[in-house]
PDB file of N, CA and C in Angstrom:
ATOM      1  N   UNK A   1      17.448  49.529 -14.202  1.00  0.00           N
ATOM      2  CA  UNK A   1      16.827  48.492 -13.416  1.00  0.00           C
ATOM      3  C   UNK A   1      16.570  47.248 -14.298  1.00  0.00           C
ATOM      4  N   UNK A   2      16.953  46.055 -13.775  1.00  0.00           N
ATOM      5  CA  UNK A   2      16.867  44.828 -14.490  1.00  0.00           C
ATOM      6  C   UNK A   2      15.330  44.431 -14.626  1.00  0.00           C
ATOM      7  N   UNK A   3      14.999  43.874 -15.804  1.00  0.00           N
ATOM      8  CA  UNK A   3      13.661  43.445 -15.955  1.00  0.00           C
ATOM      9  C   UNK A   3      13.420  42.079 -15.263  1.00  0.00           C
ATOM     10  N   UNK A   4      12.312  42.034 -14.455  1.00  0.00           N
ATOM     11  CA  UNK A   4      12.031  40.770 -13.812  1.00  0.00           C
ATOM     12  C   UNK A   4      11.367  39.790 -14.742  1.00  0.00           C
ATOM     13  N   UNK A   5      11.871  38.552 -14.788  1.00  0.00           N
ATOM     14  CA  UNK A   5      11.272  37.476 -15.658  1.00  0.00           C
ATOM     15  C   UNK A   5      10.280  36.779 -14.851  1.00  0.00           C
ATOM     16  N   UNK A   6       9.067  36.721 -15.297  1.00  0.00           N
ATOM     17  CA  UNK A   6       7.946  36.009 -14.648  1.00  0.00           C
ATOM     18  C   UNK A   6       7.264  35.118 -15.580  1.00  0.00           C
ATOM     19  N   UNK A   7       6.460  34.234 -15.187  1.00  0.00           N
ATOM     20  CA  UNK A   7       5.703  33.279 -15.926  1.00  0.00           C
ATOM     21  C   UNK A   7       4.404  33.031 -15.420  1.00  0.00           C
ATOM     22  N   UNK A   8       3.622  32.179 -16.179  1.00  0.00           N
ATOM     23  CA  UNK A   8       2.245  31.822 -15.820  1.00  0.00           C
ATOM     24  C   UNK A   8       2.291  31.058 -14.422  1.00  0.00           C
ATOM     25  N   UNK A   9       1.405  31.333 -13.587  1.00  0.00           N
ATOM     26  CA  UNK A   9       1.233  30.695 -12.258  1.00  0.00           C
ATOM     27  C   UNK A   9       2.278  31.070 -11.199  1.00  0.00           C
ATOM     28  N   UNK A  10       3.154  31.990 -11.590  1.00  0.00           N
ATOM     29  CA  UNK A  10       4.152  32.540 -10.589  1.00  0.00           C
ATOM     30  C   UNK A  10       3.347  33.349  -9.478  1.00  0.00           C
ATOM     31  N   UNK A  11       3.914  33.316  -8.296  1.00  0.00           N
ATOM     32  CA  UNK A  11       3.362  34.201  -7.235  1.00  0.00           C
ATOM     33  C   UNK A  11       4.295  35.404  -7.130  1.00  0.00           C
ATOM     34  N   UNK A  12       3.697  36.600  -7.322  1.00  0.00           N
ATOM     35  CA  UNK A  12       4.451  37.849  -7.344  1.00  0.00           C
ATOM     36  C   UNK A  12       4.070  38.761  -6.281  1.00  0.00           C
ATOM     37  N   UNK A  13       4.962  39.633  -5.884  1.00  0.00           N
ATOM     38  CA  UNK A  13       4.686  40.683  -4.894  1.00  0.00           C
ATOM     39  C   UNK A  13       4.621  41.997  -5.616  1.00  0.00           C
ATOM     40  N   UNK A  14       3.554  42.770  -5.381  1.00  0.00           N
ATOM     41  CA  UNK A  14       3.366  44.077  -6.005  1.00  0.00           C
ATOM     42  C   UNK A  14       3.915  45.167  -5.063  1.00  0.00           C
ATOM     43  N   UNK A  15       4.150  46.314  -5.559  1.00  0.00           N
ATOM     44  CA  UNK A  15       4.699  47.457  -4.760  1.00  0.00           C
ATOM     45  C   UNK A  15       3.606  47.923  -3.774  1.00  0.00           C
ATOM     46  N   UNK A  16       2.351  47.957  -4.102  1.00  0.00           N
ATOM     47  CA  UNK A  16       1.239  48.418  -3.274  1.00  0.00           C
ATOM     48  C   UNK A  16       0.413  47.298  -2.792  1.00  0.00           C
ATOM     49  N   UNK A  17      -0.142  47.463  -1.605  1.00  0.00           N
ATOM     50  CA  UNK A  17      -1.058  46.393  -1.023  1.00  0.00           C
ATOM     51  C   UNK A  17      -2.416  46.485  -1.632  1.00  0.00           C
ATOM     52  N   UNK A  18      -3.050  45.360  -1.733  1.00  0.00           N
ATOM     53  CA  UNK A  18      -4.448  45.298  -2.115  1.00  0.00           C
ATOM     54  C   UNK A  18      -5.309  45.624  -0.869  1.00  0.00           C
ATOM     55  N   UNK A  19      -6.365  46.422  -0.990  1.00  0.00           N
ATOM     56  CA  UNK A  19      -7.085  46.840   0.193  1.00  0.00           C
ATOM     57  C   UNK A  19      -7.881  45.723   0.924  1.00  0.00           C
ATOM     58  N   UNK A  20      -7.971  44.533   0.289  1.00  0.00           N
ATOM     59  CA  UNK A  20      -8.781  43.438   0.864  1.00  0.00           C
ATOM     60  C   UNK A  20      -8.299  42.979   2.220  1.00  0.00           C
ATOM     61  N   UNK A  21      -7.158  42.403   2.254  1.00  0.00           N
ATOM     62  CA  UNK A  21      -6.539  41.915   3.478  1.00  0.00           C
ATOM     63  C   UNK A  21      -5.127  42.395   3.632  1.00  0.00           C
ATOM     64  N   UNK A  22      -4.847  43.571   3.018  1.00  0.00           N
ATOM     65  CA  UNK A  22      -3.482  44.072   3.029  1.00  0.00           C
ATOM     66  C   UNK A  22      -2.492  43.100   2.335  1.00  0.00           C
ATOM     67  N   UNK A  23      -2.945  42.359   1.486  1.00  0.00           N
ATOM     68  CA  UNK A  23      -2.113  41.388   0.711  1.00  0.00           C
ATOM     69  C   UNK A  23      -1.347  42.014  -0.427  1.00  0.00           C
ATOM     70  N   UNK A  24      -0.083  41.703  -0.573  1.00  0.00           N
ATOM     71  CA  UNK A  24       0.757  42.193  -1.667  1.00  0.00           C
ATOM     72  C   UNK A  24       1.008  41.087  -2.681  1.00  0.00           C
ATOM     73  N   UNK A  25       0.575  39.836  -2.324  1.00  0.00           N
ATOM     74  CA  UNK A  25       0.927  38.661  -3.149  1.00  0.00           C
ATOM     75  C   UNK A  25      -0.230  38.356  -4.176  1.00  0.00           C
ATOM     76  N   UNK A  26       0.116  38.078  -5.364  1.00  0.00           N
ATOM     77  CA  UNK A  26      -0.798  37.858  -6.466  1.00  0.00           C
ATOM     78  C   UNK A  26      -0.275  36.668  -7.357  1.00  0.00           C
ATOM     79  N   UNK A  27      -1.213  35.872  -7.957  1.00  0.00           N
ATOM     80  CA  UNK A  27      -0.797  34.844  -8.778  1.00  0.00           C
ATOM     81  C   UNK A  27      -1.153  35.238 -10.269  1.00  0.00           C
ATOM     82  N   UNK A  28      -0.185  35.033 -11.106  1.00  0.00           N
ATOM     83  CA  UNK A  28      -0.368  35.308 -12.558  1.00  0.00           C
ATOM     84  C   UNK A  28      -1.221  34.201 -13.189  1.00  0.00           C
ATOM     85  N   UNK A  29      -2.373  34.573 -13.599  1.00  0.00           N
ATOM     86  CA  UNK A  29      -3.346  33.581 -14.231  1.00  0.00           C
ATOM     87  C   UNK A  29      -3.529  33.682 -15.713  1.00  0.00           C
ATOM     88  N   UNK A  30      -3.048  34.750 -16.356  1.00  0.00           N
ATOM     89  CA  UNK A  30      -3.118  34.951 -17.753  1.00  0.00           C
ATOM     90  C   UNK A  30      -1.985  35.827 -18.218  1.00  0.00           C
ATOM     91  N   UNK A  31      -1.425  35.439 -19.324  1.00  0.00           N
ATOM     92  CA  UNK A  31      -0.279  36.269 -19.903  1.00  0.00           C
ATOM     93  C   UNK A  31      -0.626  36.444 -21.412  1.00  0.00           C
ATOM     94  N   UNK A  32      -0.311  37.630 -21.870  1.00  0.00           N
ATOM     95  CA  UNK A  32      -0.387  37.967 -23.282  1.00  0.00           C
ATOM     96  C   UNK A  32       0.035  39.431 -23.362  1.00  0.00           C
ATOM     97  N   UNK A  33      -0.710  40.211 -24.224  1.00  0.00           N
ATOM     98  CA  UNK A  33      -0.489  41.659 -24.291  1.00  0.00           C
ATOM     99  C   UNK A  33      -0.837  42.273 -22.963  1.00  0.00           C
ATOM    100  N   UNK A  34      -1.834  41.587 -22.289  1.00  0.00           N
ATOM    101  CA  UNK A  34      -2.310  42.060 -20.946  1.00  0.00           C
ATOM    102  C   UNK A  34      -2.026  40.886 -19.998  1.00  0.00           C
ATOM    103  N   UNK A  35      -1.883  41.225 -18.730  1.00  0.00           N
ATOM    104  CA  UNK A  35      -1.624  40.284 -17.653  1.00  0.00           C
ATOM    105  C   UNK A  35      -2.830  40.265 -16.724  1.00  0.00           C
ATOM    106  N   UNK A  36      -3.361  39.092 -16.405  1.00  0.00           N
ATOM    107  CA  UNK A  36      -4.386  39.023 -15.398  1.00  0.00           C
ATOM    108  C   UNK A  36      -3.721  38.322 -14.147  1.00  0.00           C
ATOM    109  N   UNK A  37      -3.970  39.001 -12.996  1.00  0.00           N
ATOM    110  CA  UNK A  37      -3.432  38.523 -11.731  1.00  0.00           C
ATOM    111  C   UNK A  37      -4.525  38.342 -10.765  1.00  0.00           C
ATOM    112  N   UNK A  38      -4.409  37.322  -9.901  1.00  0.00           N
ATOM    113  CA  UNK A  38      -5.458  37.139  -8.888  1.00  0.00           C
ATOM    114  C   UNK A  38      -4.853  37.376  -7.477  1.00  0.00           C
ATOM    115  N   UNK A  39      -5.563  38.140  -6.695  1.00  0.00           N
ATOM    116  CA  UNK A  39      -5.208  38.381  -5.310  1.00  0.00           C
ATOM    117  C   UNK A  39      -5.222  37.165  -4.500  1.00  0.00           C
ATOM    118  N   UNK A  40      -4.162  36.810  -3.739  1.00  0.00           N
ATOM    119  CA  UNK A  40      -4.237  35.644  -2.928  1.00  0.00           C
ATOM    120  C   UNK A  40      -4.959  35.891  -1.589  1.00  0.00           C
ATOM    121  N   UNK A  41      -5.286  37.156  -1.261  1.00  0.00           N
ATOM    122  CA  UNK A  41      -5.978  37.509  -0.076  1.00  0.00           C
ATOM    123  C   UNK A  41      -7.487  37.255  -0.231  1.00  0.00           C
ATOM    124  N   UNK A  42      -8.038  37.799  -1.335  1.00  0.00           N
ATOM    125  CA  UNK A  42      -9.539  37.808  -1.454  1.00  0.00           C
ATOM    126  C   UNK A  42     -10.016  37.055  -2.736  1.00  0.00           C
ATOM    127  N   UNK A  43      -9.093  36.801  -3.682  1.00  0.00           N
ATOM    128  CA  UNK A  43      -9.481  36.087  -4.925  1.00  0.00           C
ATOM    129  C   UNK A  43      -9.882  36.975  -6.055  1.00  0.00           C
ATOM    130  N   UNK A  44      -9.865  38.368  -5.827  1.00  0.00           N
ATOM    131  CA  UNK A  44     -10.206  39.284  -6.850  1.00  0.00           C
ATOM    132  C   UNK A  44      -9.155  39.171  -7.977  1.00  0.00           C
ATOM    133  N   UNK A  45      -9.619  39.249  -9.217  1.00  0.00           N
ATOM    134  CA  UNK A  45      -8.645  39.285 -10.409  1.00  0.00           C
ATOM    135  C   UNK A  45      -8.612  40.621 -11.107  1.00  0.00           C
ATOM    136  N   UNK A  46      -7.464  41.030 -11.592  1.00  0.00           N
ATOM    137  CA  UNK A  46      -7.321  42.268 -12.195  1.00  0.00           C
ATOM    138  C   UNK A  46      -6.597  42.100 -13.531  1.00  0.00           C
ATOM    139  N   UNK A  47      -7.028  42.795 -14.564  1.00  0.00           N
ATOM    140  CA  UNK A  47      -6.416  42.722 -15.852  1.00  0.00           C
ATOM    141  C   UNK A  47      -5.719  44.041 -16.118  1.00  0.00           C
ATOM    142  N   UNK A  48      -4.456  44.005 -16.550  1.00  0.00           N
ATOM    143  CA  UNK A  48      -3.716  45.247 -16.793  1.00  0.00           C
ATOM    144  C   UNK A  48      -2.778  45.058 -17.970  1.00  0.00           C
ATOM    145  N   UNK A  49      -2.440  46.163 -18.676  1.00  0.00           N
ATOM    146  CA  UNK A  49      -1.498  46.032 -19.721  1.00  0.00           C
ATOM    147  C   UNK A  49      -0.138  45.543 -19.151  1.00  0.00           C
ATOM    148  N   UNK A  50       0.593  44.800 -20.012  1.00  0.00           N
ATOM    149  CA  UNK A  50       1.948  44.203 -19.519  1.00  0.00           C
ATOM    150  C   UNK A  50       2.856  45.388 -19.028  1.00  0.00           C
ATOM    151  N   UNK A  51       2.886  46.485 -19.824  1.00  0.00           N
ATOM    152  CA  UNK A  51       3.755  47.606 -19.473  1.00  0.00           C
ATOM    153  C   UNK A  51       3.463  48.138 -18.135  1.00  0.00           C
ATOM    154  N   UNK A  52       2.163  48.300 -17.710  1.00  0.00           N
ATOM    155  CA  UNK A  52       1.806  48.822 -16.412  1.00  0.00           C
ATOM    156  C   UNK A  52       2.175  47.769 -15.329  1.00  0.00           C
ATOM    157  N   UNK A  53       1.970  46.524 -15.615  1.00  0.00           N
ATOM    158  CA  UNK A  53       2.279  45.359 -14.710  1.00  0.00           C
ATOM    159  C   UNK A  53       3.802  45.455 -14.391  1.00  0.00           C
ATOM    160  N   UNK A  54       4.623  45.584 -15.453  1.00  0.00           N
ATOM    161  CA  UNK A  54       6.069  45.622 -15.279  1.00  0.00           C
ATOM    162  C   UNK A  54       6.510  46.770 -14.356  1.00  0.00           C
ATOM    163  N   UNK A  55       5.804  47.857 -14.367  1.00  0.00           N
ATOM    164  CA  UNK A  55       6.121  48.986 -13.445  1.00  0.00           C
ATOM    165  C   UNK A  55       5.670  48.762 -11.977  1.00  0.00           C
ATOM    166  N   UNK A  56       4.658  47.912 -11.796  1.00  0.00           N
ATOM    167  CA  UNK A  56       4.048  47.725 -10.455  1.00  0.00           C
ATOM    168  C   UNK A  56       4.581  46.508  -9.779  1.00  0.00           C
ATOM    169  N   UNK A  57       5.270  45.583 -10.479  1.00  0.00           N
ATOM    170  CA  UNK A  57       5.782  44.369  -9.763  1.00  0.00           C
ATOM    171  C   UNK A  57       7.030  44.678  -9.011  1.00  0.00           C
ATOM    172  N   UNK A  58       7.155  44.046  -7.870  1.00  0.00           N
ATOM    173  CA  UNK A  58       8.303  44.261  -6.931  1.00  0.00           C
ATOM    174  C   UNK A  58       9.195  43.139  -7.065  1.00  0.00           C
ATOM    175  N   UNK A  59       8.753  41.894  -6.878  1.00  0.00           N
ATOM    176  CA  UNK A  59       9.592  40.704  -6.924  1.00  0.00           C
ATOM    177  C   UNK A  59       8.767  39.477  -7.147  1.00  0.00           C
ATOM    178  N   UNK A  60       9.424  38.360  -7.479  1.00  0.00           N
ATOM    179  CA  UNK A  60       8.782  37.072  -7.610  1.00  0.00           C
ATOM    180  C   UNK A  60       8.932  36.317  -6.296  1.00  0.00           C
ATOM    181  N   UNK A  61       7.830  36.003  -5.617  1.00  0.00           N
ATOM    182  CA  UNK A  61       7.885  35.306  -4.363  1.00  0.00           C
ATOM    183  C   UNK A  61       8.126  33.793  -4.554  1.00  0.00           C
ATOM    184  N   UNK A  62       7.482  33.206  -5.530  1.00  0.00           N
ATOM    185  CA  UNK A  62       7.628  31.739  -5.810  1.00  0.00           C
ATOM    186  C   UNK A  62       7.324  31.484  -7.284  1.00  0.00           C
ATOM    187  N   UNK A  63       8.291  30.780  -7.902  1.00  0.00           N
ATOM    188  CA  UNK A  63       8.116  30.387  -9.313  1.00  0.00           C
ATOM    189  C   UNK A  63       7.267  29.215  -9.462  1.00  0.00           C
ATOM    190  N   UNK A  64       6.468  29.136 -10.592  1.00  0.00           N
ATOM    191  CA  UNK A  64       5.570  28.006 -10.830  1.00  0.00           C
ATOM    192  C   UNK A  64       6.255  26.717 -10.854  1.00  0.00           C
ATOM    193  N   UNK A  65       7.504  26.583 -11.300  1.00  0.00           N
ATOM    194  CA  UNK A  65       8.235  25.322 -11.314  1.00  0.00           C
ATOM    195  C   UNK A  65       8.293  24.618  -9.948  1.00  0.00           C
ATOM    196  N   UNK A  66       8.389  25.487  -8.876  1.00  0.00           N
ATOM    197  CA  UNK A  66       8.509  24.889  -7.520  1.00  0.00           C
ATOM    198  C   UNK A  66       7.193  24.197  -7.142  1.00  0.00           C
ATOM    199  N   UNK A  67       6.019  24.584  -7.753  1.00  0.00           N
ATOM    200  CA  UNK A  67       4.796  23.977  -7.432  1.00  0.00           C
ATOM    201  C   UNK A  67       4.454  22.838  -8.405  1.00  0.00           C
ATOM    202  N   UNK A  68       5.292  22.649  -9.420  1.00  0.00           N
ATOM    203  CA  UNK A  68       5.041  21.514 -10.398  1.00  0.00           C
ATOM    204  C   UNK A  68       4.194  22.002 -11.503  1.00  0.00           C
ATOM    205  N   UNK A  69       3.921  23.292 -11.629  1.00  0.00           N
ATOM    206  CA  UNK A  69       3.055  23.885 -12.743  1.00  0.00           C
ATOM    207  C   UNK A  69       3.948  24.114 -13.915  1.00  0.00           C
ATOM    208  N   UNK A  70       3.299  24.142 -15.089  1.00  0.00           N
ATOM    209  CA  UNK A  70       4.083  24.492 -16.312  1.00  0.00           C
ATOM    210  C   UNK A  70       4.289  25.952 -16.423  1.00  0.00           C
ATOM    211  N   UNK A  71       5.355  26.388 -16.973  1.00  0.00           N
ATOM    212  CA  UNK A  71       5.721  27.732 -17.184  1.00  0.00           C
ATOM    213  C   UNK A  71       5.580  28.081 -18.660  1.00  0.00           C
ATOM    214  N   UNK A  72       4.960  29.220 -18.901  1.00  0.00           N
ATOM    215  CA  UNK A  72       4.732  29.671 -20.313  1.00  0.00           C
ATOM    216  C   UNK A  72       5.226  31.037 -20.385  1.00  0.00           C
ATOM    217  N   UNK A  73       6.286  31.223 -21.185  1.00  0.00           N
ATOM    218  CA  UNK A  73       6.877  32.628 -21.330  1.00  0.00           C
ATOM    219  C   UNK A  73       6.379  33.312 -22.524  1.00  0.00           C
TER     220      UNK A  73
END
Protein backbone atom coordinates (compact mmCIF):
# COMPACT_ATOMS: atom_id res chain seq x y z
CA UNK A 1 0.00 0.00 0.00
CA UNK A 2 1.29 3.46 -0.91
CA UNK A 3 1.90 5.90 1.91
CA UNK A 4 -0.44 8.89 1.85
CA UNK A 5 1.39 12.23 1.97
CA UNK A 6 -0.41 14.74 4.16
CA UNK A 7 0.47 18.12 5.63
CA UNK A 8 -0.57 20.66 8.22
CA UNK A 9 -4.14 21.99 7.76
CA UNK A 10 -5.10 19.24 5.28
CA UNK A 11 -8.63 17.85 5.58
CA UNK A 12 -8.47 14.04 5.76
CA UNK A 13 -11.01 11.24 5.85
CA UNK A 14 -10.52 8.51 8.45
CA UNK A 15 -11.63 4.89 8.07
CA UNK A 16 -14.09 5.04 10.99
CA UNK A 17 -16.73 7.67 11.77
CA UNK A 18 -16.51 9.91 14.82
CA UNK A 19 -19.61 9.29 16.96
CA UNK A 20 -20.48 13.02 17.21
CA UNK A 21 -22.26 13.66 13.92
CA UNK A 22 -21.10 10.61 12.01
CA UNK A 23 -18.31 12.74 10.56
CA UNK A 24 -15.27 11.07 8.98
CA UNK A 25 -13.55 14.36 8.09
CA UNK A 26 -10.78 15.79 10.27
CA UNK A 27 -8.35 18.70 9.97
CA UNK A 28 -4.67 18.15 10.81
CA UNK A 29 -3.79 20.88 13.33
CA UNK A 30 -0.43 19.63 14.66
CA UNK A 31 2.32 17.48 13.19
CA UNK A 32 5.39 15.97 14.80
CA UNK A 33 6.05 12.57 16.33
CA UNK A 34 2.35 12.76 17.21
CA UNK A 35 -0.49 14.07 15.03
CA UNK A 36 -3.35 16.18 16.43
CA UNK A 37 -6.53 16.17 14.38
CA UNK A 38 -9.75 18.13 14.89
CA UNK A 39 -13.18 16.71 14.05
CA UNK A 40 -15.03 18.93 11.58
CA UNK A 41 -18.36 17.74 12.97
CA UNK A 42 -18.02 18.71 16.64
CA UNK A 43 -14.60 20.34 17.07
CA UNK A 44 -13.12 17.65 19.32
CA UNK A 45 -9.37 17.22 18.92
CA UNK A 46 -7.50 13.95 19.25
CA UNK A 47 -3.75 13.36 19.65
CA UNK A 48 -2.32 10.08 18.35
CA UNK A 49 1.08 8.69 17.41
CA UNK A 50 1.96 9.18 13.73
CA UNK A 51 2.19 5.40 13.20
CA UNK A 52 -1.37 4.89 14.46
CA UNK A 53 -2.62 7.84 12.36
CA UNK A 54 -1.02 6.33 9.23
CA UNK A 55 -3.03 3.13 9.77
CA UNK A 56 -6.34 4.96 10.35
CA UNK A 57 -6.25 7.51 7.51
CA UNK A 58 -8.27 6.67 4.41
CA UNK A 59 -7.64 9.58 2.03
CA UNK A 60 -6.99 13.31 1.75
CA UNK A 61 -10.21 15.21 1.05
CA UNK A 62 -8.63 18.65 0.52
CA UNK A 63 -5.03 19.84 0.59
CA UNK A 64 -4.16 22.97 2.57
CA UNK A 65 -2.72 24.62 -0.59
CA UNK A 66 -6.23 24.85 -2.04
CA UNK A 67 -7.27 26.98 0.95
CA UNK A 68 -4.21 29.22 0.74
CA UNK A 69 -2.70 27.81 3.95
CA UNK A 70 0.98 26.99 4.30
CA UNK A 71 2.05 23.37 4.14
CA UNK A 72 4.59 21.99 6.60
CA UNK A 73 5.93 18.50 5.94
